[in-house]
Amino acid sequence: MSNFPPQGGFPDQGGFPPQGGFGGGAAAPPQKSSKKWLFIAGGGCLLLVIIGVVAVVGLVGFGVYGLATSEASLAAQAFVQQSGTIKAELGEPLSTTWSGGNIEINNGIGKAQQVILVTGPKGAGTVTVILASSNDGPWSVTQADYTGPNGKTTKLK
């Protein structure tokens, strides 16, 4: 006699359960879901996108704030607020707001263009101010064009 099971299968008792998990043995363990890892990976990607967007918005905001509060912008706004032509057309007090512009400085020589919105009791207008600076000195206005509420453009300097 042999100690091997008979040909064609397993013993009936104490063996493995039949296909499908029904019968006399323990049930097969449940299959693990990969959804948990999809949520973790998706959440990680979303977090990276949010961090990137916040960084870009922060950098752009910091750049705009730097231009709006620059010495060139402040000099342009002071020039606009002191303009007799603008005071005569819009009345007093004048309120100015930085709208846009650019600043270039190369080897201590600066050039800037600033767009200033100006508002008074009689209306609003826009002033485009060109400024220059040399040897890191103060900014001075070299040209300014004012467009009033009627659409007419006047050279201020």
N, C-alpha and C. Protein backbone atom coordinates (compact mmCIF):
# COMPACT_ATOMS: atom_id res chain seq x y z
N MET A 1 0.79 -1.17 0.00
CA MET A 1 0.00 0.00 0.00
C MET A 1 0.83 1.24 0.00
N SER A 2 0.23 2.24 -0.52
CA SER A 2 0.97 3.48 -0.65
C SER A 2 0.36 4.53 0.26
N ASN A 3 1.19 5.49 0.69
CA ASN A 3 0.72 6.59 1.53
C ASN A 3 0.18 7.77 0.71
N PHE A 4 0.14 7.69 -0.53
CA PHE A 4 -0.34 8.76 -1.40
C PHE A 4 -1.84 8.67 -1.56
N PRO A 5 -2.50 9.87 -1.76
CA PRO A 5 -3.94 9.80 -1.97
C PRO A 5 -4.27 9.13 -3.30
N PRO A 6 -5.49 8.69 -3.41
CA PRO A 6 -5.84 8.01 -4.65
C PRO A 6 -5.75 8.98 -5.84
N GLN A 7 -5.52 8.42 -6.97
CA GLN A 7 -5.43 9.21 -8.19
C GLN A 7 -6.76 9.90 -8.45
N GLY A 8 -6.67 11.19 -8.95
CA GLY A 8 -7.87 11.88 -9.37
C GLY A 8 -8.40 12.87 -8.36
N GLY A 9 -7.74 13.16 -7.28
CA GLY A 9 -8.29 14.19 -6.42
C GLY A 9 -7.73 14.16 -5.02
N PHE A 10 -8.43 14.85 -4.17
CA PHE A 10 -8.03 15.01 -2.79
C PHE A 10 -8.97 14.20 -1.91
N PRO A 11 -8.55 13.96 -0.70
CA PRO A 11 -9.45 13.24 0.20
C PRO A 11 -10.69 14.06 0.50
N ASP A 12 -11.79 13.44 0.82
CA ASP A 12 -13.05 14.12 1.06
C ASP A 12 -13.05 14.91 2.35
N GLN A 13 -12.49 14.44 3.38
CA GLN A 13 -12.55 15.12 4.66
C GLN A 13 -11.19 15.73 4.99
N GLY A 14 -11.25 16.98 5.55
CA GLY A 14 -10.02 17.64 5.98
C GLY A 14 -9.21 18.21 4.85
N GLY A 15 -9.70 18.21 3.65
CA GLY A 15 -8.97 18.72 2.51
C GLY A 15 -9.32 20.17 2.24
N PHE A 16 -8.98 20.60 1.07
CA PHE A 16 -9.26 21.96 0.64
C PHE A 16 -10.73 22.08 0.23
N PRO A 17 -11.33 23.31 0.40
CA PRO A 17 -12.72 23.44 -0.04
C PRO A 17 -12.81 23.40 -1.55
N PRO A 18 -13.94 23.00 -2.07
CA PRO A 18 -14.09 22.98 -3.52
C PRO A 18 -14.05 24.39 -4.10
N GLN A 19 -13.94 24.49 -5.43
CA GLN A 19 -13.92 25.77 -6.13
C GLN A 19 -15.15 26.57 -5.71
N GLY A 20 -14.98 27.93 -5.50
CA GLY A 20 -16.09 28.80 -5.18
C GLY A 20 -16.21 29.06 -3.70
N GLY A 21 -15.51 28.38 -2.84
CA GLY A 21 -15.50 28.67 -1.42
C GLY A 21 -16.64 28.05 -0.65
N PHE A 22 -17.47 27.21 -1.24
CA PHE A 22 -18.57 26.59 -0.52
C PHE A 22 -18.15 25.20 -0.10
N GLY A 23 -18.64 24.81 0.99
CA GLY A 23 -18.35 23.44 1.39
C GLY A 23 -17.78 23.40 2.78
N GLY A 24 -16.95 22.45 3.01
CA GLY A 24 -16.53 22.16 4.36
C GLY A 24 -15.33 22.92 4.87
N GLY A 25 -14.71 23.85 4.17
CA GLY A 25 -13.53 24.54 4.67
C GLY A 25 -13.80 26.02 4.93
N ALA A 26 -12.75 26.75 5.30
CA ALA A 26 -12.86 28.18 5.55
C ALA A 26 -13.03 28.93 4.22
N ALA A 27 -13.76 30.07 4.28
CA ALA A 27 -13.98 30.86 3.07
C ALA A 27 -12.69 31.55 2.65
N ALA A 28 -12.58 31.81 1.36
CA ALA A 28 -11.39 32.49 0.84
C ALA A 28 -11.39 33.93 1.37
N PRO A 29 -10.19 34.51 1.67
CA PRO A 29 -10.14 35.88 2.18
C PRO A 29 -10.68 36.86 1.13
N PRO A 30 -11.33 37.97 1.58
CA PRO A 30 -11.86 38.92 0.60
C PRO A 30 -10.75 39.58 -0.19
N GLN A 31 -11.05 39.89 -1.44
CA GLN A 31 -10.06 40.52 -2.31
C GLN A 31 -9.88 41.98 -1.87
N LYS A 32 -8.62 42.45 -1.74
CA LYS A 32 -8.34 43.81 -1.30
C LYS A 32 -8.66 44.78 -2.43
N SER A 33 -9.26 45.93 -2.05
CA SER A 33 -9.66 46.94 -3.02
C SER A 33 -8.50 47.90 -3.29
N SER A 34 -8.36 48.31 -4.53
CA SER A 34 -7.31 49.28 -4.89
C SER A 34 -7.86 50.70 -4.87
N LYS A 35 -9.14 50.87 -4.50
CA LYS A 35 -9.74 52.21 -4.46
C LYS A 35 -9.05 53.10 -3.44
N LYS A 36 -8.63 52.53 -2.34
CA LYS A 36 -7.94 53.32 -1.32
C LYS A 36 -6.69 53.97 -1.91
N TRP A 37 -5.94 53.24 -2.68
CA TRP A 37 -4.71 53.79 -3.26
C TRP A 37 -5.02 54.82 -4.35
N LEU A 38 -6.15 54.63 -5.05
CA LEU A 38 -6.55 55.63 -6.05
C LEU A 38 -6.88 56.96 -5.36
N PHE A 39 -7.59 56.90 -4.23
CA PHE A 39 -7.92 58.12 -3.50
C PHE A 39 -6.66 58.80 -2.95
N ILE A 40 -5.74 58.01 -2.44
CA ILE A 40 -4.49 58.58 -1.90
C ILE A 40 -3.68 59.24 -3.02
N ALA A 41 -3.53 58.55 -4.15
CA ALA A 41 -2.76 59.10 -5.27
C ALA A 41 -3.46 60.34 -5.85
N GLY A 42 -4.78 60.26 -6.01
CA GLY A 42 -5.53 61.41 -6.53
C GLY A 42 -5.45 62.60 -5.60
N GLY A 43 -5.56 62.34 -4.29
CA GLY A 43 -5.46 63.42 -3.31
C GLY A 43 -4.07 64.06 -3.31
N GLY A 44 -3.04 63.23 -3.47
CA GLY A 44 -1.68 63.75 -3.53
C GLY A 44 -1.46 64.63 -4.76
N CYS A 45 -1.98 64.20 -5.90
CA CYS A 45 -1.86 65.00 -7.13
C CYS A 45 -2.63 66.31 -6.99
N LEU A 46 -3.83 66.23 -6.43
CA LEU A 46 -4.63 67.44 -6.23
C LEU A 46 -3.91 68.41 -5.30
N LEU A 47 -3.29 67.90 -4.26
CA LEU A 47 -2.55 68.75 -3.33
C LEU A 47 -1.39 69.45 -4.05
N LEU A 48 -0.68 68.73 -4.91
CA LEU A 48 0.42 69.34 -5.66
C LEU A 48 -0.08 70.43 -6.60
N VAL A 49 -1.22 70.21 -7.24
CA VAL A 49 -1.79 71.22 -8.14
C VAL A 49 -2.18 72.46 -7.33
N ILE A 50 -2.81 72.27 -6.19
CA ILE A 50 -3.21 73.41 -5.35
C ILE A 50 -1.99 74.19 -4.89
N ILE A 51 -0.95 73.50 -4.46
CA ILE A 51 0.28 74.18 -4.03
C ILE A 51 0.88 74.97 -5.19
N GLY A 52 0.88 74.41 -6.39
CA GLY A 52 1.41 75.11 -7.57
C GLY A 52 0.61 76.37 -7.89
N VAL A 53 -0.71 76.26 -7.85
CA VAL A 53 -1.55 77.42 -8.13
C VAL A 53 -1.33 78.52 -7.10
N VAL A 54 -1.27 78.14 -5.84
CA VAL A 54 -1.04 79.12 -4.77
C VAL A 54 0.32 79.80 -4.96
N ALA A 55 1.33 79.04 -5.35
CA ALA A 55 2.67 79.62 -5.56
C ALA A 55 2.65 80.62 -6.71
N VAL A 56 2.01 80.27 -7.82
CA VAL A 56 1.95 81.18 -8.97
C VAL A 56 1.18 82.46 -8.62
N VAL A 57 0.03 82.29 -7.96
CA VAL A 57 -0.76 83.46 -7.56
C VAL A 57 0.04 84.34 -6.60
N GLY A 58 0.76 83.72 -5.68
CA GLY A 58 1.58 84.49 -4.75
C GLY A 58 2.69 85.27 -5.45
N LEU A 59 3.36 84.62 -6.39
CA LEU A 59 4.44 85.31 -7.11
C LEU A 59 3.90 86.46 -7.96
N VAL A 60 2.79 86.24 -8.66
CA VAL A 60 2.20 87.30 -9.48
C VAL A 60 1.72 88.44 -8.58
N GLY A 61 1.05 88.09 -7.50
CA GLY A 61 0.56 89.12 -6.58
C GLY A 61 1.69 89.93 -5.98
N PHE A 62 2.78 89.25 -5.62
CA PHE A 62 3.93 89.95 -5.06
C PHE A 62 4.54 90.89 -6.09
N GLY A 63 4.60 90.46 -7.36
CA GLY A 63 5.14 91.31 -8.42
C GLY A 63 4.28 92.53 -8.68
N VAL A 64 2.97 92.34 -8.71
CA VAL A 64 2.05 93.47 -8.92
C VAL A 64 2.13 94.43 -7.75
N TYR A 65 2.17 93.91 -6.54
CA TYR A 65 2.28 94.76 -5.36
C TYR A 65 3.59 95.56 -5.41
N GLY A 66 4.67 94.91 -5.83
CA GLY A 66 5.96 95.60 -5.93
C GLY A 66 5.92 96.74 -6.93
N LEU A 67 5.27 96.53 -8.08
CA LEU A 67 5.15 97.61 -9.07
C LEU A 67 4.25 98.73 -8.56
N ALA A 68 3.14 98.37 -7.93
CA ALA A 68 2.17 99.38 -7.48
C ALA A 68 2.73 100.26 -6.37
N THR A 69 3.63 99.74 -5.57
CA THR A 69 4.18 100.51 -4.45
C THR A 69 5.62 100.97 -4.72
N SER A 70 6.06 100.87 -5.96
CA SER A 70 7.43 101.27 -6.29
C SER A 70 7.58 102.79 -6.22
N GLU A 71 8.82 103.24 -6.16
CA GLU A 71 9.09 104.67 -6.15
C GLU A 71 8.59 105.34 -7.44
N ALA A 72 8.71 104.64 -8.57
CA ALA A 72 8.24 105.19 -9.84
C ALA A 72 6.73 105.39 -9.81
N SER A 73 6.00 104.41 -9.30
CA SER A 73 4.54 104.54 -9.22
C SER A 73 4.12 105.65 -8.27
N LEU A 74 4.78 105.75 -7.14
CA LEU A 74 4.45 106.80 -6.18
C LEU A 74 4.76 108.18 -6.74
N ALA A 75 5.86 108.30 -7.50
CA ALA A 75 6.20 109.59 -8.13
C ALA A 75 5.16 109.94 -9.20
N ALA A 76 4.71 108.95 -9.96
CA ALA A 76 3.70 109.20 -10.99
C ALA A 76 2.38 109.63 -10.35
N GLN A 77 1.98 109.00 -9.28
CA GLN A 77 0.73 109.37 -8.61
C GLN A 77 0.82 110.78 -8.01
N ALA A 78 1.97 111.12 -7.44
CA ALA A 78 2.14 112.47 -6.88
C ALA A 78 2.05 113.51 -8.00
N PHE A 79 2.66 113.23 -9.15
CA PHE A 79 2.61 114.14 -10.29
C PHE A 79 1.16 114.36 -10.73
N VAL A 80 0.38 113.28 -10.82
CA VAL A 80 -1.02 113.37 -11.25
C VAL A 80 -1.83 114.19 -10.27
N GLN A 81 -1.64 113.96 -8.98
CA GLN A 81 -2.41 114.68 -7.97
C GLN A 81 -2.10 116.17 -7.92
N GLN A 82 -0.91 116.56 -8.40
CA GLN A 82 -0.53 117.97 -8.38
C GLN A 82 -0.83 118.69 -9.70
N SER A 83 -1.35 117.98 -10.68
CA SER A 83 -1.59 118.57 -12.00
C SER A 83 -2.76 119.55 -11.97
N GLY A 84 -2.49 120.80 -12.35
CA GLY A 84 -3.53 121.82 -12.42
C GLY A 84 -4.56 121.51 -13.50
N THR A 85 -4.12 120.94 -14.62
CA THR A 85 -5.03 120.60 -15.71
C THR A 85 -6.06 119.57 -15.26
N ILE A 86 -5.60 118.55 -14.56
CA ILE A 86 -6.50 117.49 -14.10
C ILE A 86 -7.42 118.03 -13.01
N LYS A 87 -6.90 118.84 -12.10
CA LYS A 87 -7.73 119.42 -11.04
C LYS A 87 -8.84 120.28 -11.63
N ALA A 88 -8.51 121.05 -12.68
CA ALA A 88 -9.51 121.93 -13.31
C ALA A 88 -10.62 121.11 -13.97
N GLU A 89 -10.28 119.98 -14.56
CA GLU A 89 -11.28 119.19 -15.27
C GLU A 89 -12.08 118.26 -14.35
N LEU A 90 -11.40 117.64 -13.36
CA LEU A 90 -12.08 116.65 -12.52
C LEU A 90 -12.49 117.17 -11.15
N GLY A 91 -11.97 118.33 -10.76
CA GLY A 91 -12.28 118.87 -9.45
C GLY A 91 -11.39 118.28 -8.37
N GLU A 92 -11.59 118.78 -7.15
CA GLU A 92 -10.79 118.29 -6.02
C GLU A 92 -11.72 117.77 -4.94
N PRO A 93 -11.30 116.79 -4.17
CA PRO A 93 -10.00 116.13 -4.14
C PRO A 93 -9.89 115.06 -5.24
N LEU A 94 -8.65 114.81 -5.65
CA LEU A 94 -8.37 113.77 -6.63
C LEU A 94 -7.98 112.49 -5.91
N SER A 95 -8.39 111.39 -6.47
CA SER A 95 -8.02 110.07 -5.95
C SER A 95 -7.30 109.32 -7.07
N THR A 96 -6.14 108.74 -6.78
CA THR A 96 -5.38 108.02 -7.81
C THR A 96 -5.26 106.54 -7.44
N THR A 97 -5.24 105.73 -8.49
CA THR A 97 -5.07 104.28 -8.33
C THR A 97 -4.12 103.80 -9.40
N TRP A 98 -3.16 102.99 -9.01
CA TRP A 98 -2.22 102.42 -9.98
C TRP A 98 -2.97 101.37 -10.79
N SER A 99 -2.83 101.43 -12.11
CA SER A 99 -3.54 100.50 -12.98
C SER A 99 -2.62 99.52 -13.68
N GLY A 100 -1.38 99.88 -13.91
CA GLY A 100 -0.45 98.99 -14.59
C GLY A 100 0.82 99.73 -14.96
N GLY A 101 1.75 99.00 -15.53
CA GLY A 101 2.98 99.64 -15.96
C GLY A 101 4.15 98.69 -15.94
N ASN A 102 5.32 99.27 -16.20
CA ASN A 102 6.55 98.48 -16.17
C ASN A 102 7.70 99.38 -15.75
N ILE A 103 8.74 98.72 -15.26
CA ILE A 103 9.95 99.42 -14.82
C ILE A 103 11.15 98.63 -15.34
N GLU A 104 12.09 99.34 -15.94
CA GLU A 104 13.34 98.73 -16.39
C GLU A 104 14.50 99.51 -15.80
N ILE A 105 15.45 98.80 -15.20
CA ILE A 105 16.65 99.45 -14.67
C ILE A 105 17.86 98.68 -15.18
N ASN A 106 18.75 99.38 -15.89
CA ASN A 106 19.98 98.79 -16.41
C ASN A 106 21.14 99.69 -16.04
N ASN A 107 22.10 99.15 -15.29
CA ASN A 107 23.30 99.88 -14.89
C ASN A 107 22.96 101.23 -14.23
N GLY A 108 21.96 101.23 -13.39
CA GLY A 108 21.59 102.44 -12.66
C GLY A 108 20.72 103.42 -13.42
N ILE A 109 20.44 103.14 -14.70
CA ILE A 109 19.57 103.99 -15.51
C ILE A 109 18.19 103.35 -15.54
N GLY A 110 17.18 104.10 -15.10
CA GLY A 110 15.84 103.55 -15.03
C GLY A 110 14.88 104.21 -15.99
N LYS A 111 13.99 103.40 -16.54
CA LYS A 111 12.90 103.88 -17.38
C LYS A 111 11.63 103.21 -16.86
N ALA A 112 10.54 103.97 -16.79
CA ALA A 112 9.29 103.40 -16.30
C ALA A 112 8.12 104.01 -17.04
N GLN A 113 7.10 103.21 -17.22
CA GLN A 113 5.82 103.68 -17.75
C GLN A 113 4.76 103.22 -16.76
N GLN A 114 3.99 104.16 -16.26
CA GLN A 114 2.96 103.88 -15.26
C GLN A 114 1.62 104.39 -15.77
N VAL A 115 0.59 103.60 -15.58
CA VAL A 115 -0.77 104.01 -15.94
C VAL A 115 -1.52 104.25 -14.63
N ILE A 116 -2.00 105.48 -14.48
CA ILE A 116 -2.66 105.89 -13.24
C ILE A 116 -4.11 106.26 -13.55
N LEU A 117 -5.04 105.67 -12.81
CA LEU A 117 -6.44 106.05 -12.91
C LEU A 117 -6.66 107.19 -11.92
N VAL A 118 -7.31 108.24 -12.36
CA VAL A 118 -7.56 109.40 -11.49
C VAL A 118 -9.06 109.69 -11.48
N THR A 119 -9.57 109.94 -10.27
CA THR A 119 -10.99 110.20 -10.09
C THR A 119 -11.17 111.46 -9.27
N GLY A 120 -12.12 112.27 -9.68
CA GLY A 120 -12.48 113.48 -8.95
C GLY A 120 -13.99 113.61 -8.90
N PRO A 121 -14.50 114.65 -8.25
CA PRO A 121 -15.96 114.83 -8.15
C PRO A 121 -16.67 114.98 -9.50
N LYS A 122 -15.94 115.44 -10.54
CA LYS A 122 -16.57 115.68 -11.84
C LYS A 122 -16.36 114.56 -12.85
N GLY A 123 -15.68 113.49 -12.46
CA GLY A 123 -15.46 112.39 -13.40
C GLY A 123 -14.15 111.66 -13.15
N ALA A 124 -13.75 110.88 -14.15
CA ALA A 124 -12.53 110.07 -14.02
C ALA A 124 -11.76 110.09 -15.33
N GLY A 125 -10.48 109.83 -15.23
CA GLY A 125 -9.62 109.79 -16.40
C GLY A 125 -8.44 108.86 -16.17
N THR A 126 -7.59 108.79 -17.18
CA THR A 126 -6.40 107.94 -17.13
C THR A 126 -5.19 108.77 -17.53
N VAL A 127 -4.10 108.56 -16.81
CA VAL A 127 -2.86 109.26 -17.14
C VAL A 127 -1.77 108.22 -17.37
N THR A 128 -1.11 108.30 -18.51
CA THR A 128 0.05 107.47 -18.79
C THR A 128 1.28 108.32 -18.56
N VAL A 129 2.11 107.90 -17.60
CA VAL A 129 3.26 108.70 -17.17
C VAL A 129 4.54 107.96 -17.53
N ILE A 130 5.46 108.64 -18.20
CA ILE A 130 6.78 108.11 -18.52
C ILE A 130 7.77 108.77 -17.56
N LEU A 131 8.57 107.95 -16.88
CA LEU A 131 9.53 108.47 -15.90
C LEU A 131 10.93 107.98 -16.22
N ALA A 132 11.91 108.69 -15.68
CA ALA A 132 13.31 108.30 -15.85
C ALA A 132 14.04 108.49 -14.52
N SER A 133 15.09 107.72 -14.36
CA SER A 133 15.93 107.82 -13.17
C SER A 133 17.36 107.53 -13.60
N SER A 134 18.31 108.28 -13.05
CA SER A 134 19.71 108.01 -13.39
C SER A 134 20.52 107.86 -12.11
N ASN A 135 21.48 106.97 -12.18
CA ASN A 135 22.38 106.69 -11.06
C ASN A 135 21.60 106.41 -9.76
N ASP A 136 20.56 105.63 -9.89
CA ASP A 136 19.70 105.25 -8.76
C ASP A 136 19.12 106.46 -8.02
N GLY A 137 18.99 107.57 -8.73
CA GLY A 137 18.42 108.78 -8.13
C GLY A 137 16.90 108.72 -8.16
N PRO A 138 16.28 109.84 -7.79
CA PRO A 138 14.81 109.87 -7.76
C PRO A 138 14.22 109.80 -9.17
N TRP A 139 13.00 109.33 -9.27
CA TRP A 139 12.29 109.25 -10.54
C TRP A 139 11.73 110.63 -10.91
N SER A 140 11.88 111.01 -12.17
CA SER A 140 11.31 112.28 -12.63
C SER A 140 10.46 112.00 -13.87
N VAL A 141 9.39 112.77 -14.00
CA VAL A 141 8.46 112.60 -15.11
C VAL A 141 9.05 113.25 -16.36
N THR A 142 9.10 112.49 -17.45
CA THR A 142 9.60 113.03 -18.72
C THR A 142 8.46 113.29 -19.70
N GLN A 143 7.34 112.58 -19.53
CA GLN A 143 6.19 112.75 -20.42
C GLN A 143 4.95 112.25 -19.69
N ALA A 144 3.82 112.89 -19.92
CA ALA A 144 2.56 112.44 -19.33
C ALA A 144 1.41 112.79 -20.26
N ASP A 145 0.54 111.84 -20.51
CA ASP A 145 -0.63 112.03 -21.36
C ASP A 145 -1.88 111.71 -20.55
N TYR A 146 -2.79 112.69 -20.50
CA TYR A 146 -4.03 112.56 -19.73
C TYR A 146 -5.20 112.40 -20.68
N THR A 147 -6.00 111.36 -20.45
CA THR A 147 -7.24 111.17 -21.20
C THR A 147 -8.39 111.34 -20.24
N GLY A 148 -9.19 112.38 -20.48
CA GLY A 148 -10.28 112.73 -19.58
C GLY A 148 -11.56 111.97 -19.88
N PRO A 149 -12.62 112.30 -19.14
CA PRO A 149 -13.89 111.60 -19.32
C PRO A 149 -14.52 111.79 -20.69
N ASN A 150 -14.15 112.84 -21.39
CA ASN A 150 -14.70 113.09 -22.73
C ASN A 150 -13.93 112.35 -23.81
N GLY A 151 -12.84 111.65 -23.46
CA GLY A 151 -12.04 110.89 -24.42
C GLY A 151 -10.92 111.67 -25.05
N LYS A 152 -10.83 112.96 -24.76
CA LYS A 152 -9.78 113.82 -25.33
C LYS A 152 -8.47 113.60 -24.56
N THR A 153 -7.35 113.47 -25.31
CA THR A 153 -6.04 113.29 -24.69
C THR A 153 -5.28 114.60 -24.70
N THR A 154 -4.69 114.94 -23.54
CA THR A 154 -3.92 116.18 -23.38
C THR A 154 -2.54 115.84 -22.87
N LYS A 155 -1.51 116.45 -23.49
CA LYS A 155 -0.14 116.27 -22.98
C LYS A 155 0.02 117.16 -21.76
N LEU A 156 0.48 116.56 -20.67
CA LEU A 156 0.71 117.33 -19.45
C LEU A 156 2.15 117.78 -19.34
N LYS A 157 3.05 117.08 -19.95
CA LYS A 157 4.47 117.43 -19.89
C LYS A 157 5.17 116.92 -21.12
